């Protein structure tokens, strides 16, 4: 199935915007995790690393899912 241009740019912008916000939160969480490990706070580092990885997965899923749905799923006519 060939990709086609996005039909609903509002949905595309919203999906990518939410995905980018989640990626920013993931980056901040992972940065906090690194700082926790640097200060020998293993519990802090592990907790924020888990949260960061989950937010990273959510952000990428939002962006990939939005793109996939807007370009690959057949729209009703």
PDB file of N, CA and C in Angstrom:
ATOM      1  N   UNK A   1       0.848  -1.169   0.000  1.00  0.00           N
ATOM      2  CA  UNK A   1       0.000   0.000   0.000  1.00  0.00           C
ATOM      3  C   UNK A   1       0.898   1.237   0.000  1.00  0.00           C
ATOM      4  N   UNK A   2       0.675   2.109  -0.935  1.00  0.00           N
ATOM      5  CA  UNK A   2       1.492   3.313  -1.054  1.00  0.00           C
ATOM      6  C   UNK A   2       1.002   4.399  -0.106  1.00  0.00           C
ATOM      7  N   UNK A   3       1.941   5.172   0.384  1.00  0.00           N
ATOM      8  CA  UNK A   3       1.590   6.284   1.261  1.00  0.00           C
ATOM      9  C   UNK A   3       0.956   7.393   0.431  1.00  0.00           C
ATOM     10  N   UNK A   4       0.022   8.094   1.028  1.00  0.00           N
ATOM     11  CA  UNK A   4      -0.610   9.226   0.363  1.00  0.00           C
ATOM     12  C   UNK A   4      -0.429  10.451   1.239  1.00  0.00           C
ATOM     13  N   UNK A   5      -0.617  11.635   0.691  1.00  0.00           N
ATOM     14  CA  UNK A   5      -0.449  12.846   1.504  1.00  0.00           C
ATOM     15  C   UNK A   5      -1.479  12.895   2.630  1.00  0.00           C
ATOM     16  N   UNK A   6      -1.146  13.488   3.766  1.00  0.00           N
ATOM     17  CA  UNK A   6      -2.097  13.594   4.869  1.00  0.00           C
ATOM     18  C   UNK A   6      -3.332  14.387   4.449  1.00  0.00           C
ATOM     19  N   UNK A   7      -4.498  13.917   4.853  1.00  0.00           N
ATOM     20  CA  UNK A   7      -5.750  14.570   4.503  1.00  0.00           C
ATOM     21  C   UNK A   7      -6.196  15.566   5.566  1.00  0.00           C
ATOM     22  N   UNK A   8      -5.835  15.321   6.807  1.00  0.00           N
ATOM     23  CA  UNK A   8      -6.288  16.162   7.906  1.00  0.00           C
ATOM     24  C   UNK A   8      -5.063  16.736   8.615  1.00  0.00           C
ATOM     25  N   UNK A   9      -4.642  17.908   8.203  1.00  0.00           N
ATOM     26  CA  UNK A   9      -3.422  18.476   8.772  1.00  0.00           C
ATOM     27  C   UNK A   9      -3.610  18.891  10.224  1.00  0.00           C
ATOM     28  N   UNK A  10      -4.844  19.226  10.624  1.00  0.00           N
ATOM     29  CA  UNK A  10      -5.091  19.574  12.026  1.00  0.00           C
ATOM     30  C   UNK A  10      -4.800  18.378  12.929  1.00  0.00           C
ATOM     31  N   UNK A  11      -5.270  17.205  12.537  1.00  0.00           N
ATOM     32  CA  UNK A  11      -5.012  15.994  13.322  1.00  0.00           C
ATOM     33  C   UNK A  11      -3.522  15.661  13.326  1.00  0.00           C
ATOM     34  N   UNK A  12      -2.870  15.882  12.192  1.00  0.00           N
ATOM     35  CA  UNK A  12      -1.436  15.607  12.099  1.00  0.00           C
ATOM     36  C   UNK A  12      -0.646  16.528  13.025  1.00  0.00           C
ATOM     37  N   UNK A  13      -0.986  17.808  13.033  1.00  0.00           N
ATOM     38  CA  UNK A  13      -0.298  18.770  13.903  1.00  0.00           C
ATOM     39  C   UNK A  13      -0.570  18.449  15.373  1.00  0.00           C
ATOM     40  N   UNK A  14      -1.812  18.110  15.701  1.00  0.00           N
ATOM     41  CA  UNK A  14      -2.147  17.782  17.090  1.00  0.00           C
ATOM     42  C   UNK A  14      -1.397  16.539  17.557  1.00  0.00           C
ATOM     43  N   UNK A  15      -1.386  15.498  16.737  1.00  0.00           N
ATOM     44  CA  UNK A  15      -0.694  14.262  17.106  1.00  0.00           C
ATOM     45  C   UNK A  15       0.803  14.455  17.275  1.00  0.00           C
ATOM     46  N   UNK A  16       1.396  15.184  16.337  1.00  0.00           N
ATOM     47  CA  UNK A  16       2.832  15.426  16.438  1.00  0.00           C
ATOM     48  C   UNK A  16       3.154  16.378  17.586  1.00  0.00           C
ATOM     49  N   UNK A  17       2.273  17.357  17.826  1.00  0.00           N
ATOM     50  CA  UNK A  17       2.487  18.275  18.949  1.00  0.00           C
ATOM     51  C   UNK A  17       2.478  17.552  20.283  1.00  0.00           C
ATOM     52  N   UNK A  18       1.511  16.667  20.463  1.00  0.00           N
ATOM     53  CA  UNK A  18       1.444  15.884  21.700  1.00  0.00           C
ATOM     54  C   UNK A  18       2.659  14.968  21.810  1.00  0.00           C
ATOM     55  N   UNK A  19       3.031  14.345  20.694  1.00  0.00           N
ATOM     56  CA  UNK A  19       4.208  13.477  20.705  1.00  0.00           C
ATOM     57  C   UNK A  19       5.476  14.234  21.072  1.00  0.00           C
ATOM     58  N   UNK A  20       5.635  15.431  20.548  1.00  0.00           N
ATOM     59  CA  UNK A  20       6.819  16.238  20.857  1.00  0.00           C
ATOM     60  C   UNK A  20       6.829  16.641  22.326  1.00  0.00           C
ATOM     61  N   UNK A  21       5.660  17.019  22.855  1.00  0.00           N
ATOM     62  CA  UNK A  21       5.598  17.357  24.290  1.00  0.00           C
ATOM     63  C   UNK A  21       5.998  16.168  25.151  1.00  0.00           C
ATOM     64  N   UNK A  22       5.526  14.976  24.787  1.00  0.00           N
ATOM     65  CA  UNK A  22       5.901  13.789  25.553  1.00  0.00           C
ATOM     66  C   UNK A  22       7.385  13.482  25.420  1.00  0.00           C
ATOM     67  N   UNK A  23       7.953  13.732  24.237  1.00  0.00           N
ATOM     68  CA  UNK A  23       9.390  13.513  24.067  1.00  0.00           C
ATOM     69  C   UNK A  23      10.203  14.503  24.909  1.00  0.00           C
ATOM     70  N   UNK A  24       9.716  15.735  25.014  1.00  0.00           N
ATOM     71  CA  UNK A  24      10.398  16.715  25.873  1.00  0.00           C
ATOM     72  C   UNK A  24      10.339  16.263  27.330  1.00  0.00           C
ATOM     73  N   UNK A  25       9.166  15.797  27.769  1.00  0.00           N
ATOM     74  CA  UNK A  25       9.049  15.307  29.150  1.00  0.00           C
ATOM     75  C   UNK A  25       9.939  14.086  29.371  1.00  0.00           C
ATOM     76  N   UNK A  26      10.060  13.226  28.356  1.00  0.00           N
ATOM     77  CA  UNK A  26      10.935  12.064  28.467  1.00  0.00           C
ATOM     78  C   UNK A  26      12.382  12.504  28.617  1.00  0.00           C
ATOM     79  N   UNK A  27      12.788  13.485  27.839  1.00  0.00           N
ATOM     80  CA  UNK A  27      14.161  13.990  27.942  1.00  0.00           C
ATOM     81  C   UNK A  27      14.448  14.569  29.312  1.00  0.00           C
ATOM     82  N   UNK A  28      13.494  15.336  29.846  1.00  0.00           N
ATOM     83  CA  UNK A  28      13.681  15.908  31.184  1.00  0.00           C
ATOM     84  C   UNK A  28      13.739  14.805  32.253  1.00  0.00           C
ATOM     85  N   UNK A  29      12.919  13.783  32.095  1.00  0.00           N
ATOM     86  CA  UNK A  29      12.931  12.667  33.053  1.00  0.00           C
ATOM     87  C   UNK A  29      14.259  11.919  33.002  1.00  0.00           C
ATOM     88  N   UNK A  30      14.746  11.675  31.803  1.00  0.00           N
ATOM     89  CA  UNK A  30      16.023  10.965  31.677  1.00  0.00           C
ATOM     90  C   UNK A  30      17.173  11.830  32.189  1.00  0.00           C
ATOM     91  N   UNK A  31      17.091  13.141  31.985  1.00  0.00           N
ATOM     92  CA  UNK A  31      18.115  14.037  32.521  1.00  0.00           C
ATOM     93  C   UNK A  31      18.104  14.000  34.054  1.00  0.00           C
ATOM     94  N   UNK A  32      16.913  13.981  34.640  1.00  0.00           N
ATOM     95  CA  UNK A  32      16.802  13.885  36.099  1.00  0.00           C
ATOM     96  C   UNK A  32      17.367  12.552  36.586  1.00  0.00           C
ATOM     97  N   UNK A  33      17.138  11.504  35.813  1.00  0.00           N
ATOM     98  CA  UNK A  33      17.688  10.192  36.158  1.00  0.00           C
ATOM     99  C   UNK A  33      19.216  10.218  36.155  1.00  0.00           C
ATOM    100  N   UNK A  34      19.790  10.836  35.147  1.00  0.00           N
ATOM    101  CA  UNK A  34      21.254  10.932  35.067  1.00  0.00           C
ATOM    102  C   UNK A  34      21.800  11.712  36.261  1.00  0.00           C
ATOM    103  N   UNK A  35      21.127  12.815  36.609  1.00  0.00           N
ATOM    104  CA  UNK A  35      21.563  13.595  37.774  1.00  0.00           C
ATOM    105  C   UNK A  35      21.435  12.787  39.056  1.00  0.00           C
ATOM    106  N   UNK A  36      20.387  11.970  39.161  1.00  0.00           N
ATOM    107  CA  UNK A  36      20.225  11.123  40.339  1.00  0.00           C
ATOM    108  C   UNK A  36      21.358  10.115  40.461  1.00  0.00           C
ATOM    109  N   UNK A  37      21.701   9.469  39.336  1.00  0.00           N
ATOM    110  CA  UNK A  37      22.817   8.519  39.367  1.00  0.00           C
ATOM    111  C   UNK A  37      24.130   9.221  39.697  1.00  0.00           C
ATOM    112  N   UNK A  38      24.311  10.432  39.181  1.00  0.00           N
ATOM    113  CA  UNK A  38      25.547  11.175  39.435  1.00  0.00           C
ATOM    114  C   UNK A  38      25.693  11.540  40.911  1.00  0.00           C
ATOM    115  N   UNK A  39      24.559  11.720  41.592  1.00  0.00           N
ATOM    116  CA  UNK A  39      24.581  12.050  43.024  1.00  0.00           C
ATOM    117  C   UNK A  39      24.398  10.831  43.916  1.00  0.00           C
ATOM    118  N   UNK A  40      24.621   9.650  43.330  1.00  0.00           N
ATOM    119  CA  UNK A  40      24.527   8.371  44.046  1.00  0.00           C
ATOM    120  C   UNK A  40      23.147   8.140  44.658  1.00  0.00           C
ATOM    121  N   UNK A  41      22.122   8.614  43.988  1.00  0.00           N
ATOM    122  CA  UNK A  41      20.737   8.360  44.375  1.00  0.00           C
ATOM    123  C   UNK A  41      20.183   7.322  43.401  1.00  0.00           C
ATOM    124  N   UNK A  42      20.493   6.050  43.654  1.00  0.00           N
ATOM    125  CA  UNK A  42      20.144   4.979  42.732  1.00  0.00           C
ATOM    126  C   UNK A  42      18.627   4.831  42.599  1.00  0.00           C
ATOM    127  N   UNK A  43      17.895   5.037  43.709  1.00  0.00           N
ATOM    128  CA  UNK A  43      16.440   4.924  43.647  1.00  0.00           C
ATOM    129  C   UNK A  43      15.850   6.024  42.771  1.00  0.00           C
ATOM    130  N   UNK A  44      16.352   7.236  42.919  1.00  0.00           N
ATOM    131  CA  UNK A  44      15.898   8.367  42.117  1.00  0.00           C
ATOM    132  C   UNK A  44      16.210   8.113  40.637  1.00  0.00           C
ATOM    133  N   UNK A  45      17.423   7.690  40.371  1.00  0.00           N
ATOM    134  CA  UNK A  45      17.838   7.435  38.989  1.00  0.00           C
ATOM    135  C   UNK A  45      17.016   6.357  38.322  1.00  0.00           C
ATOM    136  N   UNK A  46      16.761   5.270  39.031  1.00  0.00           N
ATOM    137  CA  UNK A  46      15.985   4.178  38.454  1.00  0.00           C
ATOM    138  C   UNK A  46      14.541   4.598  38.203  1.00  0.00           C
ATOM    139  N   UNK A  47      13.928   5.270  39.164  1.00  0.00           N
ATOM    140  CA  UNK A  47      12.529   5.682  39.011  1.00  0.00           C
ATOM    141  C   UNK A  47      12.360   6.629  37.823  1.00  0.00           C
ATOM    142  N   UNK A  48      13.224   7.635  37.715  1.00  0.00           N
ATOM    143  CA  UNK A  48      13.087   8.581  36.614  1.00  0.00           C
ATOM    144  C   UNK A  48      13.498   7.964  35.283  1.00  0.00           C
ATOM    145  N   UNK A  49      14.382   6.973  35.299  1.00  0.00           N
ATOM    146  CA  UNK A  49      14.733   6.279  34.057  1.00  0.00           C
ATOM    147  C   UNK A  49      13.537   5.494  33.536  1.00  0.00           C
ATOM    148  N   UNK A  50      12.815   4.816  34.420  1.00  0.00           N
ATOM    149  CA  UNK A  50      11.632   4.060  34.000  1.00  0.00           C
ATOM    150  C   UNK A  50      10.570   5.006  33.444  1.00  0.00           C
ATOM    151  N   UNK A  51      10.328   6.102  34.148  1.00  0.00           N
ATOM    152  CA  UNK A  51       9.342   7.083  33.686  1.00  0.00           C
ATOM    153  C   UNK A  51       9.767   7.664  32.342  1.00  0.00           C
ATOM    154  N   UNK A  52      11.053   7.978  32.197  1.00  0.00           N
ATOM    155  CA  UNK A  52      11.549   8.535  30.941  1.00  0.00           C
ATOM    156  C   UNK A  52      11.384   7.579  29.774  1.00  0.00           C
ATOM    157  N   UNK A  53      11.669   6.310  29.991  1.00  0.00           N
ATOM    158  CA  UNK A  53      11.531   5.325  28.914  1.00  0.00           C
ATOM    159  C   UNK A  53      10.060   5.171  28.517  1.00  0.00           C
ATOM    160  N   UNK A  54       9.165   5.152  29.504  1.00  0.00           N
ATOM    161  CA  UNK A  54       7.740   5.041  29.189  1.00  0.00           C
ATOM    162  C   UNK A  54       7.233   6.275  28.440  1.00  0.00           C
ATOM    163  N   UNK A  55       7.668   7.464  28.848  1.00  0.00           N
ATOM    164  CA  UNK A  55       7.275   8.676  28.128  1.00  0.00           C
ATOM    165  C   UNK A  55       7.864   8.706  26.719  1.00  0.00           C
ATOM    166  N   UNK A  56       9.074   8.206  26.571  1.00  0.00           N
ATOM    167  CA  UNK A  56       9.697   8.128  25.256  1.00  0.00           C
ATOM    168  C   UNK A  56       8.883   7.218  24.338  1.00  0.00           C
ATOM    169  N   UNK A  57       8.478   6.068  24.859  1.00  0.00           N
ATOM    170  CA  UNK A  57       7.658   5.143  24.075  1.00  0.00           C
ATOM    171  C   UNK A  57       6.314   5.779  23.714  1.00  0.00           C
ATOM    172  N   UNK A  58       5.711   6.496  24.655  1.00  0.00           N
ATOM    173  CA  UNK A  58       4.419   7.144  24.395  1.00  0.00           C
ATOM    174  C   UNK A  58       4.554   8.232  23.339  1.00  0.00           C
ATOM    175  N   UNK A  59       5.591   9.033  23.428  1.00  0.00           N
ATOM    176  CA  UNK A  59       5.790  10.104  22.461  1.00  0.00           C
ATOM    177  C   UNK A  59       6.029   9.574  21.059  1.00  0.00           C
ATOM    178  N   UNK A  60       6.881   8.559  20.943  1.00  0.00           N
ATOM    179  CA  UNK A  60       7.136   7.968  19.631  1.00  0.00           C
ATOM    180  C   UNK A  60       5.885   7.285  19.084  1.00  0.00           C
ATOM    181  N   UNK A  61       5.133   6.631  19.953  1.00  0.00           N
ATOM    182  CA  UNK A  61       3.894   5.985  19.518  1.00  0.00           C
ATOM    183  C   UNK A  61       2.874   7.005  19.030  1.00  0.00           C
ATOM    184  N   UNK A  62       2.769   8.130  19.710  1.00  0.00           N
ATOM    185  CA  UNK A  62       1.833   9.169  19.286  1.00  0.00           C
ATOM    186  C   UNK A  62       2.206   9.699  17.905  1.00  0.00           C
ATOM    187  N   UNK A  63       3.473   9.932  17.691  1.00  0.00           N
ATOM    188  CA  UNK A  63       3.905  10.485  16.409  1.00  0.00           C
ATOM    189  C   UNK A  63       3.791   9.461  15.283  1.00  0.00           C
ATOM    190  N   UNK A  64       4.260   8.244  15.526  1.00  0.00           N
ATOM    191  CA  UNK A  64       4.201   7.205  14.491  1.00  0.00           C
ATOM    192  C   UNK A  64       2.751   6.810  14.212  1.00  0.00           C
ATOM    193  N   UNK A  65       1.946   6.681  15.264  1.00  0.00           N
ATOM    194  CA  UNK A  65       0.545   6.319  15.084  1.00  0.00           C
ATOM    195  C   UNK A  65      -0.234   7.381  14.330  1.00  0.00           C
ATOM    196  N   UNK A  66       0.031   8.632  14.625  1.00  0.00           N
ATOM    197  CA  UNK A  66      -0.643   9.719  13.909  1.00  0.00           C
ATOM    198  C   UNK A  66      -0.254   9.711  12.439  1.00  0.00           C
ATOM    199  N   UNK A  67       1.037   9.599  12.177  1.00  0.00           N
ATOM    200  CA  UNK A  67       1.492   9.561  10.786  1.00  0.00           C
ATOM    201  C   UNK A  67       0.886   8.374  10.055  1.00  0.00           C
ATOM    202  N   UNK A  68       0.923   7.205  10.692  1.00  0.00           N
ATOM    203  CA  UNK A  68       0.409   5.992  10.054  1.00  0.00           C
ATOM    204  C   UNK A  68      -1.082   6.146   9.750  1.00  0.00           C
ATOM    205  N   UNK A  69      -1.836   6.620  10.712  1.00  0.00           N
ATOM    206  CA  UNK A  69      -3.276   6.739  10.523  1.00  0.00           C
ATOM    207  C   UNK A  69      -3.620   7.786   9.463  1.00  0.00           C
ATOM    208  N   UNK A  70      -2.856   8.848   9.407  1.00  0.00           N
ATOM    209  CA  UNK A  70      -3.153   9.910   8.447  1.00  0.00           C
ATOM    210  C   UNK A  70      -2.686   9.588   7.029  1.00  0.00           C
ATOM    211  N   UNK A  71      -1.729   8.678   6.874  1.00  0.00           N
ATOM    212  CA  UNK A  71      -1.202   8.405   5.530  1.00  0.00           C
ATOM    213  C   UNK A  71      -1.481   6.994   5.034  1.00  0.00           C
ATOM    214  N   UNK A  72      -1.804   6.055   5.903  1.00  0.00           N
ATOM    215  CA  UNK A  72      -1.941   4.662   5.485  1.00  0.00           C
ATOM    216  C   UNK A  72      -3.359   4.099   5.612  1.00  0.00           C
ATOM    217  N   UNK A  73      -4.156   4.613   6.521  1.00  0.00           N
ATOM    218  CA  UNK A  73      -5.492   4.080   6.745  1.00  0.00           C
ATOM    219  C   UNK A  73      -6.443   4.690   5.733  1.00  0.00           C
ATOM    220  N   UNK A  74      -7.244   3.831   5.090  1.00  0.00           N
ATOM    221  CA  UNK A  74      -8.192   4.327   4.106  1.00  0.00           C
ATOM    222  C   UNK A  74      -9.307   5.095   4.775  1.00  0.00           C
ATOM    223  N   UNK A  75      -9.531   6.313   4.307  1.00  0.00           N
ATOM    224  CA  UNK A  75     -10.577   7.169   4.854  1.00  0.00           C
ATOM    225  C   UNK A  75     -11.899   6.851   4.183  1.00  0.00           C
ATOM    226  N   UNK A  76     -13.018   6.961   4.909  1.00  0.00           N
ATOM    227  CA  UNK A  76     -14.325   6.715   4.259  1.00  0.00           C
ATOM    228  C   UNK A  76     -14.611   7.805   3.232  1.00  0.00           C
ATOM    229  N   UNK A  77     -15.315   7.409   2.191  1.00  0.00           N
ATOM    230  CA  UNK A  77     -15.591   8.372   1.119  1.00  0.00           C
ATOM    231  C   UNK A  77     -16.938   9.005   1.220  1.00  0.00           C
TER     232      UNK A  77
END
